[in-house]
Amino acid sequence: MGLLTTTQQDYYEGTAGSLGYYQFVSLDDIISNFTVAYVGEDKIISKINRADIKFHAMRALQELSFDTLKSIKSQEIELPPSLTMMLPHDYVNYVKLTWNDGAGIEHVLYPASKTSNPSAISQDANGDYTYNGTNLATQSESDTWAGYKSNTSTNQNQSYDYDDENGVAYDSGRYGLDPQYAQNNGSFYIDELKGNIHFSSNISGKNITLKYISDSLGTDGEMQVHKFAEEAMYKWIAHAILATRANTQEYLVARFKKERFAAVRTAKLRLSNIKIEEITQIMRGKSKQIKH
């Protein structure tokens, strides 16, 4: 390999920041590079404040994070007796929830579409609402959530007593089963209003992994862009600025809209990380006869 530079030596010794950082560009560098390339006399944008560029850069990073950039984060917890997990501070949407066995294998959890955690209104013996001053009083826990977490299993193949519309038990069989319930890994539902994920009781105490989408907006270290998507960021910022400025010629806006679309498409292809050898290995088994 030859002699290492000071920067390379710091990297391998672990004093230059996170490993693998070279594949990313910070948002601050994106803004500076954009200013050099696009702003100034005889350039596309003659004059603009850095704060305006930063606004559009953050919006570009946020939008690209949802379906282009590798913005998936993960958290692992041991599920407590409360059967709840707090949503991360930068949570936008979930990708997958799993519980992990002793061998480190992930078992996918599926959403429970027929339950929720509504606000339970307190009532007196006559059924009338009770008030806490001028507001309706609410119970700490709804009966819906209490019933869901107290059930020993959410596996619809084993529990027939509370969801009969998903299949009919007959001679120890289960007929007409909805495929979404044909699993015994457990289930969950997300209470968006209260910011919690609720789990079925059969996975209490197991290690739960949440993989979720972030908008990538956070600390300076978190706001970074993969180099495969760097050009897409520049085109996105340029189009956003030109489209929101008065007296911009329409053909220029249309041109950068097309260039933005092409750059984003290229970034998606590059970030898809397709490897011919891996695809070949998977496809080798596709010609086998399926016995049934």
C-alpha atoms as a PDB file:
ATOM      1  CA  MET A   1       0.000   0.000   0.000  1.00  0.00           C
ATOM      2  CA  GLY A   2       2.954   2.299   0.544  1.00  0.00           C
ATOM      3  CA  LEU A   3       3.420   5.070   3.056  1.00  0.00           C
ATOM      4  CA  LEU A   4       0.308   6.528   4.635  1.00  0.00           C
ATOM      5  CA  THR A   5      -0.415  10.225   4.666  1.00  0.00           C
ATOM      6  CA  THR A   6      -1.169  11.904   7.964  1.00  0.00           C
ATOM      7  CA  THR A   7      -4.891  11.940   7.118  1.00  0.00           C
ATOM      8  CA  GLN A   8      -4.879   8.227   6.253  1.00  0.00           C
ATOM      9  CA  GLN A   9      -3.003   7.350   9.418  1.00  0.00           C
ATOM     10  CA  ASP A  10      -5.477   9.308  11.549  1.00  0.00           C
ATOM     11  CA  TYR A  11      -8.309   7.446   9.827  1.00  0.00           C
ATOM     12  CA  TYR A  12      -6.955   3.964  10.513  1.00  0.00           C
ATOM     13  CA  GLU A  13      -6.043   4.889  14.064  1.00  0.00           C
ATOM     14  CA  GLY A  14      -9.601   6.021  14.643  1.00  0.00           C
ATOM     15  CA  THR A  15      -8.788   9.684  15.379  1.00  0.00           C
ATOM     16  CA  ALA A  16     -10.272  11.182  12.216  1.00  0.00           C
ATOM     17  CA  GLY A  17     -13.943  10.657  13.018  1.00  0.00           C
ATOM     18  CA  SER A  18     -16.296   7.839  12.006  1.00  0.00           C
ATOM     19  CA  LEU A  19     -15.042   5.075   9.757  1.00  0.00           C
ATOM     20  CA  GLY A  20     -16.308   5.295   6.200  1.00  0.00           C
ATOM     21  CA  TYR A  21     -16.859   9.036   6.337  1.00  0.00           C
ATOM     22  CA  TYR A  22     -15.148   9.588   2.967  1.00  0.00           C
ATOM     23  CA  GLN A  23     -18.245   8.425   1.117  1.00  0.00           C
ATOM     24  CA  PHE A  24     -20.232  11.382   2.480  1.00  0.00           C
ATOM     25  CA  VAL A  25     -20.227  15.142   1.940  1.00  0.00           C
ATOM     26  CA  SER A  26     -21.410  17.435   4.712  1.00  0.00           C
ATOM     27  CA  LEU A  27     -24.329  19.738   4.085  1.00  0.00           C
ATOM     28  CA  ASP A  28     -22.089  22.726   4.841  1.00  0.00           C
ATOM     29  CA  ASP A  29     -19.703  21.637   2.066  1.00  0.00           C
ATOM     30  CA  ILE A  30     -22.647  21.165  -0.298  1.00  0.00           C
ATOM     31  CA  ILE A  31     -23.717  24.764   0.343  1.00  0.00           C
ATOM     32  CA  SER A  32     -20.180  26.106  -0.124  1.00  0.00           C
ATOM     33  CA  ASN A  33     -19.646  24.119  -3.333  1.00  0.00           C
ATOM     34  CA  PHE A  34     -22.999  25.256  -4.700  1.00  0.00           C
ATOM     35  CA  THR A  35     -22.099  28.882  -4.019  1.00  0.00           C
ATOM     36  CA  VAL A  36     -18.828  28.527  -5.923  1.00  0.00           C
ATOM     37  CA  ALA A  37     -20.361  26.751  -8.921  1.00  0.00           C
ATOM     38  CA  TYR A  38     -23.737  28.483  -9.322  1.00  0.00           C
ATOM     39  CA  VAL A  39     -23.639  31.916  -7.664  1.00  0.00           C
ATOM     40  CA  GLY A  40     -21.852  34.996  -8.946  1.00  0.00           C
ATOM     41  CA  GLU A  41     -21.422  37.257 -11.937  1.00  0.00           C
ATOM     42  CA  ASP A  42     -22.121  35.545 -15.287  1.00  0.00           C
ATOM     43  CA  LYS A  43     -23.494  32.467 -13.470  1.00  0.00           C
ATOM     44  CA  ILE A  44     -27.003  31.009 -13.244  1.00  0.00           C
ATOM     45  CA  ILE A  45     -27.739  32.845  -9.978  1.00  0.00           C
ATOM     46  CA  SER A  46     -26.225  36.296  -9.802  1.00  0.00           C
ATOM     47  CA  LYS A  47     -26.757  36.938  -6.106  1.00  0.00           C
ATOM     48  CA  ILE A  48     -28.323  35.120  -3.144  1.00  0.00           C
ATOM     49  CA  ASN A  49     -27.914  34.957   0.616  1.00  0.00           C
ATOM     50  CA  ARG A  50     -26.276  31.878   2.099  1.00  0.00           C
ATOM     51  CA  ALA A  51     -29.271  31.502   4.412  1.00  0.00           C
ATOM     52  CA  ASP A  52     -31.533  31.058   1.371  1.00  0.00           C
ATOM     53  CA  ILE A  53     -29.238  28.389  -0.044  1.00  0.00           C
ATOM     54  CA  LYS A  54     -29.197  26.601   3.323  1.00  0.00           C
ATOM     55  CA  PHE A  55     -33.001  26.562   3.445  1.00  0.00           C
ATOM     56  CA  HIS A  56     -33.306  24.938   0.033  1.00  0.00           C
ATOM     57  CA  ALA A  57     -30.401  22.579   0.793  1.00  0.00           C
ATOM     58  CA  MET A  58     -32.116  21.336   3.956  1.00  0.00           C
ATOM     59  CA  ARG A  59     -35.381  20.887   2.087  1.00  0.00           C
ATOM     60  CA  ALA A  60     -33.550  18.938  -0.634  1.00  0.00           C
ATOM     61  CA  LEU A  61     -31.869  16.736   1.962  1.00  0.00           C
ATOM     62  CA  GLN A  62     -35.177  16.116   3.671  1.00  0.00           C
ATOM     63  CA  GLU A  63     -37.035  15.161   0.484  1.00  0.00           C
ATOM     64  CA  LEU A  64     -34.232  13.013  -0.907  1.00  0.00           C
ATOM     65  CA  SER A  65     -33.958  11.164   2.406  1.00  0.00           C
ATOM     66  CA  PHE A  66     -37.421   9.670   2.018  1.00  0.00           C
ATOM     67  CA  ASP A  67     -36.837   7.611  -1.128  1.00  0.00           C
ATOM     68  CA  THR A  68     -33.335   8.193  -2.526  1.00  0.00           C
ATOM     69  CA  LEU A  69     -30.663   8.482   0.155  1.00  0.00           C
ATOM     70  CA  LYS A  70     -29.693   5.759   2.607  1.00  0.00           C
ATOM     71  CA  SER A  71     -31.513   7.432   5.464  1.00  0.00           C
ATOM     72  CA  ILE A  72     -32.663   4.276   7.280  1.00  0.00           C
ATOM     73  CA  LYS A  73     -31.708   4.210  10.948  1.00  0.00           C
ATOM     74  CA  SER A  74     -32.257   1.511  13.543  1.00  0.00           C
ATOM     75  CA  GLN A  75     -32.726   1.124  17.278  1.00  0.00           C
ATOM     76  CA  GLU A  76     -32.740  -1.996  19.444  1.00  0.00           C
ATOM     77  CA  ILE A  77     -34.347  -2.286  22.871  1.00  0.00           C
ATOM     78  CA  GLU A  78     -35.387  -5.047  25.238  1.00  0.00           C
ATOM     79  CA  LEU A  79     -39.164  -4.847  25.286  1.00  0.00           C
ATOM     80  CA  PRO A  80     -40.225  -3.854  28.829  1.00  0.00           C
ATOM     81  CA  PRO A  81     -43.325  -5.174  30.643  1.00  0.00           C
ATOM     82  CA  SER A  82     -45.217  -2.073  29.498  1.00  0.00           C
ATOM     83  CA  LEU A  83     -45.011  -3.514  25.929  1.00  0.00           C
ATOM     84  CA  THR A  84     -44.295  -0.056  24.518  1.00  0.00           C
ATOM     85  CA  MET A  85     -41.386   1.581  22.716  1.00  0.00           C
ATOM     86  CA  MET A  86     -40.940   5.316  22.272  1.00  0.00           C
ATOM     87  CA  LEU A  87     -40.665   6.651  18.728  1.00  0.00           C
ATOM     88  CA  PRO A  88     -37.185   8.110  18.018  1.00  0.00           C
ATOM     89  CA  HIS A  89     -36.916  11.893  17.962  1.00  0.00           C
ATOM     90  CA  ASP A  90     -36.216  11.946  14.190  1.00  0.00           C
ATOM     91  CA  TYR A  91     -38.779   9.278  13.256  1.00  0.00           C
ATOM     92  CA  VAL A  92     -40.728   9.868  10.030  1.00  0.00           C
ATOM     93  CA  ASN A  93     -41.981   6.405   9.113  1.00  0.00           C
ATOM     94  CA  TYR A  94     -41.089   2.811   9.916  1.00  0.00           C
ATOM     95  CA  VAL A  95     -39.406   0.403   7.516  1.00  0.00           C
ATOM     96  CA  LYS A  96     -39.540  -2.788   9.552  1.00  0.00           C
ATOM     97  CA  LEU A  97     -39.960  -4.042  13.113  1.00  0.00           C
ATOM     98  CA  THR A  98     -38.460  -7.348  14.214  1.00  0.00           C
ATOM     99  CA  TRP A  99     -37.661  -9.368  17.307  1.00  0.00           C
ATOM    100  CA  ASN A 100     -34.305 -11.110  17.454  1.00  0.00           C
ATOM    101  CA  ASP A 101     -33.710 -14.648  18.691  1.00  0.00           C
ATOM    102  CA  GLY A 102     -30.621 -16.028  20.410  1.00  0.00           C
ATOM    103  CA  ALA A 103     -28.944 -16.740  17.070  1.00  0.00           C
ATOM    104  CA  GLY A 104     -29.313 -13.122  15.979  1.00  0.00           C
ATOM    105  CA  ILE A 105     -31.980 -13.955  13.389  1.00  0.00           C
ATOM    106  CA  GLU A 106     -34.637 -11.288  12.886  1.00  0.00           C
ATOM    107  CA  HIS A 107     -38.306 -12.293  12.938  1.00  0.00           C
ATOM    108  CA  VAL A 108     -40.534  -9.757  11.218  1.00  0.00           C
ATOM    109  CA  LEU A 109     -43.447  -8.269  13.166  1.00  0.00           C
ATOM    110  CA  TYR A 110     -46.589  -7.241  11.320  1.00  0.00           C
ATOM    111  CA  PRO A 111     -48.912  -4.319  12.072  1.00  0.00           C
ATOM    112  CA  ALA A 112     -52.184  -5.010  13.854  1.00  0.00           C
ATOM    113  CA  SER A 113     -54.712  -3.167  11.712  1.00  0.00           C
ATOM    114  CA  LYS A 114     -57.721  -3.777  13.940  1.00  0.00           C
ATOM    115  CA  THR A 115     -56.769  -2.208  17.229  1.00  0.00           C
ATOM    116  CA  SER A 116     -55.730   1.186  18.566  1.00  0.00           C
ATOM    117  CA  ASN A 117     -55.199   3.134  21.768  1.00  0.00           C
ATOM    118  CA  PRO A 118     -58.015   5.708  21.956  1.00  0.00           C
ATOM    119  CA  SER A 119     -58.333   8.308  24.669  1.00  0.00           C
ATOM    120  CA  ALA A 120     -60.573   6.737  27.291  1.00  0.00           C
ATOM    121  CA  ILE A 121     -63.139   9.182  28.685  1.00  0.00           C
ATOM    122  CA  SER A 122     -63.844   8.826  32.410  1.00  0.00           C
ATOM    123  CA  GLN A 123     -67.488   8.199  33.245  1.00  0.00           C
ATOM    124  CA  ASP A 124     -69.453   8.003  36.463  1.00  0.00           C
ATOM    125  CA  ALA A 125     -71.772   5.158  37.494  1.00  0.00           C
ATOM    126  CA  ASN A 126     -74.561   6.568  35.301  1.00  0.00           C
ATOM    127  CA  GLY A 127     -72.341   6.737  32.250  1.00  0.00           C
ATOM    128  CA  ASP A 128     -72.087  10.523  32.290  1.00  0.00           C
ATOM    129  CA  TYR A 129     -68.749  12.123  31.424  1.00  0.00           C
ATOM    130  CA  THR A 130     -66.641  13.372  34.301  1.00  0.00           C
ATOM    131  CA  TYR A 131     -64.689  16.606  34.108  1.00  0.00           C
ATOM    132  CA  ASN A 132     -61.343  17.727  35.446  1.00  0.00           C
ATOM    133  CA  GLY A 133     -62.074  21.395  35.926  1.00  0.00           C
ATOM    134  CA  THR A 134     -63.311  22.504  32.483  1.00  0.00           C
ATOM    135  CA  ASN A 135     -61.854  19.558  30.537  1.00  0.00           C
ATOM    136  CA  LEU A 136     -63.016  16.001  30.100  1.00  0.00           C
ATOM    137  CA  ALA A 137     -61.226  13.623  32.420  1.00  0.00           C
ATOM    138  CA  THR A 138     -59.464  10.705  30.756  1.00  0.00           C
ATOM    139  CA  GLN A 139     -58.250   7.376  32.075  1.00  0.00           C
ATOM    140  CA  SER A 140     -54.576   6.514  31.968  1.00  0.00           C
ATOM    141  CA  GLU A 141     -55.235   3.443  29.836  1.00  0.00           C
ATOM    142  CA  SER A 142     -57.931   2.553  27.334  1.00  0.00           C
ATOM    143  CA  ASP A 143     -59.819  -0.740  27.544  1.00  0.00           C
ATOM    144  CA  THR A 144     -58.819  -1.419  23.921  1.00  0.00           C
ATOM    145  CA  TRP A 145     -55.114  -1.295  24.731  1.00  0.00           C
ATOM    146  CA  ALA A 146     -55.595  -3.213  27.983  1.00  0.00           C
ATOM    147  CA  GLY A 147     -57.347  -6.021  26.108  1.00  0.00           C
ATOM    148  CA  TYR A 148     -54.726  -6.113  23.361  1.00  0.00           C
ATOM    149  CA  LYS A 149     -51.743  -6.376  25.676  1.00  0.00           C
ATOM    150  CA  SER A 150     -53.393  -8.873  28.026  1.00  0.00           C
ATOM    151  CA  ASN A 151     -54.055 -11.388  25.251  1.00  0.00           C
ATOM    152  CA  THR A 152     -51.459 -14.133  25.430  1.00  0.00           C
ATOM    153  CA  SER A 153     -50.843 -14.227  21.664  1.00  0.00           C
ATOM    154  CA  THR A 154     -51.785 -12.320  18.567  1.00  0.00           C
ATOM    155  CA  ASN A 155     -51.195 -15.339  16.341  1.00  0.00           C
ATOM    156  CA  GLN A 156     -54.488 -15.716  14.546  1.00  0.00           C
ATOM    157  CA  ASN A 157     -53.701 -19.368  13.824  1.00  0.00           C
ATOM    158  CA  GLN A 158     -53.805 -20.114  17.567  1.00  0.00           C
ATOM    159  CA  SER A 159     -56.301 -17.598  18.975  1.00  0.00           C
ATOM    160  CA  TYR A 160     -59.778 -18.042  17.569  1.00  0.00           C
ATOM    161  CA  ASP A 161     -61.841 -16.381  20.240  1.00  0.00           C
ATOM    162  CA  TYR A 162     -61.577 -12.686  19.440  1.00  0.00           C
ATOM    163  CA  ASP A 163     -61.191 -12.343  15.680  1.00  0.00           C
ATOM    164  CA  ASP A 164     -63.535 -14.876  14.134  1.00  0.00           C
ATOM    165  CA  GLU A 165     -64.088 -12.876  10.955  1.00  0.00           C
ATOM    166  CA  ASN A 166     -60.591 -13.819   9.782  1.00  0.00           C
ATOM    167  CA  GLY A 167     -61.362 -17.516   9.554  1.00  0.00           C
ATOM    168  CA  VAL A 168     -63.572 -20.308  10.888  1.00  0.00           C
ATOM    169  CA  ALA A 169     -62.219 -23.026  13.152  1.00  0.00           C
ATOM    170  CA  TYR A 170     -63.477 -26.470  12.196  1.00  0.00           C
ATOM    171  CA  ASP A 171     -62.114 -29.846  13.354  1.00  0.00           C
ATOM    172  CA  SER A 172     -58.884 -28.239  14.598  1.00  0.00           C
ATOM    173  CA  GLY A 173     -58.463 -26.514  11.236  1.00  0.00           C
ATOM    174  CA  ARG A 174     -58.536 -22.883  10.226  1.00  0.00           C
ATOM    175  CA  TYR A 175     -60.274 -22.001   6.977  1.00  0.00           C
ATOM    176  CA  GLY A 176     -60.619 -18.699   5.206  1.00  0.00           C
ATOM    177  CA  LEU A 177     -57.599 -17.300   7.032  1.00  0.00           C
ATOM    178  CA  ASP A 178     -56.458 -13.839   6.030  1.00  0.00           C
ATOM    179  CA  PRO A 179     -52.759 -14.222   5.029  1.00  0.00           C
ATOM    180  CA  GLN A 180     -51.758 -11.123   6.988  1.00  0.00           C
ATOM    181  CA  TYR A 181     -52.539 -13.052  10.198  1.00  0.00           C
ATOM    182  CA  ALA A 182     -50.846 -16.312   9.155  1.00  0.00           C
ATOM    183  CA  GLN A 183     -47.792 -15.817  11.363  1.00  0.00           C
ATOM    184  CA  ASN A 184     -46.896 -16.169  15.015  1.00  0.00           C
ATOM    185  CA  ASN A 185     -44.051 -13.672  15.320  1.00  0.00           C
ATOM    186  CA  GLY A 186     -46.267 -11.124  17.062  1.00  0.00           C
ATOM    187  CA  SER A 187     -47.731  -7.800  16.058  1.00  0.00           C
ATOM    188  CA  PHE A 188     -47.573  -4.096  16.798  1.00  0.00           C
ATOM    189  CA  TYR A 189     -49.386  -0.854  16.198  1.00  0.00           C
ATOM    190  CA  ILE A 190     -48.087   2.704  16.278  1.00  0.00           C
ATOM    191  CA  ASP A 191     -49.834   5.378  18.298  1.00  0.00           C
ATOM    192  CA  GLU A 192     -48.775   8.428  16.280  1.00  0.00           C
ATOM    193  CA  LEU A 193     -50.539  10.860  18.605  1.00  0.00           C
ATOM    194  CA  LYS A 194     -48.783   9.710  21.785  1.00  0.00           C
ATOM    195  CA  GLY A 195     -45.516   8.727  20.095  1.00  0.00           C
ATOM    196  CA  ASN A 196     -45.399   5.078  21.162  1.00  0.00           C
ATOM    197  CA  ILE A 197     -45.233   1.671  19.495  1.00  0.00           C
ATOM    198  CA  HIS A 198     -47.397  -0.965  21.202  1.00  0.00           C
ATOM    199  CA  PHE A 199     -46.541  -4.659  20.958  1.00  0.00           C
ATOM    200  CA  SER A 200     -48.422  -7.898  21.566  1.00  0.00           C
ATOM    201  CA  SER A 201     -47.679  -9.659  24.848  1.00  0.00           C
ATOM    202  CA  ASN A 202     -46.148 -12.798  23.304  1.00  0.00           C
ATOM    203  CA  ILE A 203     -42.902 -10.904  22.589  1.00  0.00           C
ATOM    204  CA  SER A 204     -42.466  -9.354  26.026  1.00  0.00           C
ATOM    205  CA  GLY A 205     -38.822  -9.340  27.096  1.00  0.00           C
ATOM    206  CA  LYS A 206     -37.481  -9.993  23.597  1.00  0.00           C
ATOM    207  CA  ASN A 207     -34.995  -7.744  21.809  1.00  0.00           C
ATOM    208  CA  ILE A 208     -36.915  -5.501  19.422  1.00  0.00           C
ATOM    209  CA  THR A 209     -35.305  -3.750  16.459  1.00  0.00           C
ATOM    210  CA  LEU A 210     -36.957  -0.747  14.836  1.00  0.00           C
ATOM    211  CA  LYS A 211     -35.716   0.250  11.390  1.00  0.00           C
ATOM    212  CA  TYR A 212     -37.086   3.628  10.423  1.00  0.00           C
ATOM    213  CA  ILE A 213     -36.793   6.500   7.982  1.00  0.00           C
ATOM    214  CA  SER A 214     -35.299   9.778   9.167  1.00  0.00           C
ATOM    215  CA  ASP A 215     -35.407  13.115   7.377  1.00  0.00           C
ATOM    216  CA  SER A 216     -31.622  13.424   7.982  1.00  0.00           C
ATOM    217  CA  LEU A 217     -32.070  16.808   9.649  1.00  0.00           C
ATOM    218  CA  GLY A 218     -30.245  16.918  12.949  1.00  0.00           C
ATOM    219  CA  THR A 219     -26.747  17.705  14.115  1.00  0.00           C
ATOM    220  CA  ASP A 220     -24.056  18.836  11.696  1.00  0.00           C
ATOM    221  CA  GLY A 221     -22.675  15.306  11.736  1.00  0.00           C
ATOM    222  CA  GLU A 222     -26.047  13.847  10.736  1.00  0.00           C
ATOM    223  CA  MET A 223     -26.683  16.299   7.898  1.00  0.00           C
ATOM    224  CA  GLN A 224     -24.551  14.707   5.224  1.00  0.00           C
ATOM    225  CA  VAL A 225     -25.073  13.436   1.692  1.00  0.00           C
ATOM    226  CA  HIS A 226     -23.656  10.376  -0.008  1.00  0.00           C
ATOM    227  CA  LYS A 227     -21.347  11.309  -2.874  1.00  0.00           C
ATOM    228  CA  PHE A 228     -23.517   9.322  -5.289  1.00  0.00           C
ATOM    229  CA  ALA A 229     -26.277  11.879  -4.644  1.00  0.00           C
ATOM    230  CA  GLU A 230     -24.142  15.023  -4.514  1.00  0.00           C
ATOM    231  CA  GLU A 231     -25.068  16.155  -8.032  1.00  0.00           C
ATOM    232  CA  ALA A 232     -28.752  15.570  -7.282  1.00  0.00           C
ATOM    233  CA  MET A 233     -28.454  17.973  -4.349  1.00  0.00           C
ATOM    234  CA  TYR A 234     -26.964  20.724  -6.546  1.00  0.00           C
ATOM    235  CA  LYS A 235     -29.640  20.346  -9.212  1.00  0.00           C
ATOM    236  CA  TRP A 236     -32.406  20.269  -6.602  1.00  0.00           C
ATOM    237  CA  ILE A 237     -31.162  23.441  -4.905  1.00  0.00           C
ATOM    238  CA  ALA A 238     -30.704  25.263  -8.228  1.00  0.00           C
ATOM    239  CA  HIS A 239     -34.206  24.379  -9.432  1.00  0.00           C
ATOM    240  CA  ALA A 240     -35.787  25.339  -6.106  1.00  0.00           C
ATOM    241  CA  ILE A 241     -34.074  28.738  -6.106  1.00  0.00           C
ATOM    242  CA  LEU A 242     -34.885  29.539  -9.738  1.00  0.00           C
ATOM    243  CA  ALA A 243     -38.500  28.400  -9.361  1.00  0.00           C
ATOM    244  CA  THR A 244     -39.099  30.733  -6.412  1.00  0.00           C
ATOM    245  CA  ARG A 245     -37.430  33.889  -7.774  1.00  0.00           C
ATOM    246  CA  ALA A 246     -39.294  36.589  -9.599  1.00  0.00           C
ATOM    247  CA  ASN A 247     -38.476  37.371 -13.245  1.00  0.00           C
ATOM    248  CA  THR A 248     -36.760  34.027 -13.844  1.00  0.00           C
ATOM    249  CA  GLN A 249     -37.137  32.907 -17.435  1.00  0.00           C
ATOM    250  CA  GLU A 250     -39.455  29.909 -17.670  1.00  0.00           C
ATOM    251  CA  TYR A 251     -37.192  27.914 -19.971  1.00  0.00           C
ATOM    252  CA  LEU A 252     -34.462  28.060 -17.308  1.00  0.00           C
ATOM    253  CA  VAL A 253     -36.800  26.700 -14.632  1.00  0.00           C
ATOM    254  CA  ALA A 254     -37.928  23.911 -16.980  1.00  0.00           C
ATOM    255  CA  ARG A 255     -34.330  23.048 -17.842  1.00  0.00           C
ATOM    256  CA  PHE A 256     -33.260  22.633 -14.244  1.00  0.00           C
ATOM    257  CA  LYS A 257     -36.416  20.698 -13.449  1.00  0.00           C
ATOM    258  CA  LYS A 258     -35.413  18.126 -16.072  1.00  0.00           C
ATOM    259  CA  GLU A 259     -31.817  18.111 -14.848  1.00  0.00           C
ATOM    260  CA  ARG A 260     -32.987  17.606 -11.264  1.00  0.00           C
ATOM    261  CA  PHE A 261     -35.166  14.667 -12.322  1.00  0.00           C
ATOM    262  CA  ALA A 262     -32.292  13.060 -14.235  1.00  0.00           C
ATOM    263  CA  ALA A 263     -29.825  13.588 -11.381  1.00  0.00           C
ATOM    264  CA  VAL A 264     -32.188  12.074  -8.803  1.00  0.00           C
ATOM    265  CA  ARG A 265     -32.800   9.066 -11.052  1.00  0.00           C
ATOM    266  CA  THR A 266     -29.057   8.557 -11.451  1.00  0.00           C
ATOM    267  CA  ALA A 267     -28.564   8.809  -7.677  1.00  0.00           C
ATOM    268  CA  LYS A 268     -31.233   6.147  -7.076  1.00  0.00           C
ATOM    269  CA  LEU A 269     -29.544   3.782  -9.524  1.00  0.00           C
ATOM    270  CA  ARG A 270     -26.135   4.300  -7.948  1.00  0.00           C
ATOM    271  CA  LEU A 271     -27.421   3.924  -4.395  1.00  0.00           C
ATOM    272  CA  SER A 272     -29.411   0.781  -5.246  1.00  0.00           C
ATOM    273  CA  ASN A 273     -26.082  -1.055  -4.901  1.00  0.00           C
ATOM    274  CA  ILE A 274     -26.866  -3.751  -7.465  1.00  0.00           C
ATOM    275  CA  LYS A 275     -24.127  -6.364  -7.749  1.00  0.00           C
ATOM    276  CA  ILE A 276     -24.186  -8.772 -10.706  1.00  0.00           C
ATOM    277  CA  GLU A 277     -22.484 -11.571  -8.746  1.00  0.00           C
ATOM    278  CA  GLU A 278     -25.078 -11.382  -5.956  1.00  0.00           C
ATOM    279  CA  ILE A 279     -28.006 -11.377  -8.379  1.00  0.00           C
ATOM    280  CA  THR A 280     -26.485 -14.336 -10.242  1.00  0.00           C
ATOM    281  CA  GLN A 281     -26.132 -16.301  -7.010  1.00  0.00           C
ATOM    282  CA  ILE A 282     -29.781 -15.663  -6.109  1.00  0.00           C
ATOM    283  CA  MET A 283     -31.081 -16.503  -9.587  1.00  0.00           C
ATOM    284  CA  ARG A 284     -29.235 -19.837  -9.667  1.00  0.00           C
ATOM    285  CA  GLY A 285     -31.920 -21.323  -7.468  1.00  0.00           C
ATOM    286  CA  LYS A 286     -34.869 -19.918  -9.391  1.00  0.00           C
ATOM    287  CA  SER A 287     -34.863 -22.698 -12.002  1.00  0.00           C
ATOM    288  CA  LYS A 288     -35.457 -25.411  -9.431  1.00  0.00           C
ATOM    289  CA  GLN A 289     -38.808 -27.158  -9.532  1.00  0.00           C
ATOM    290  CA  ILE A 290     -41.107 -26.040  -6.750  1.00  0.00           C
ATOM    291  CA  LYS A 291     -42.795 -29.025  -5.115  1.00  0.00           C
ATOM    292  CA  HIS A 292     -46.263 -28.576  -3.713  1.00  0.00           C
END
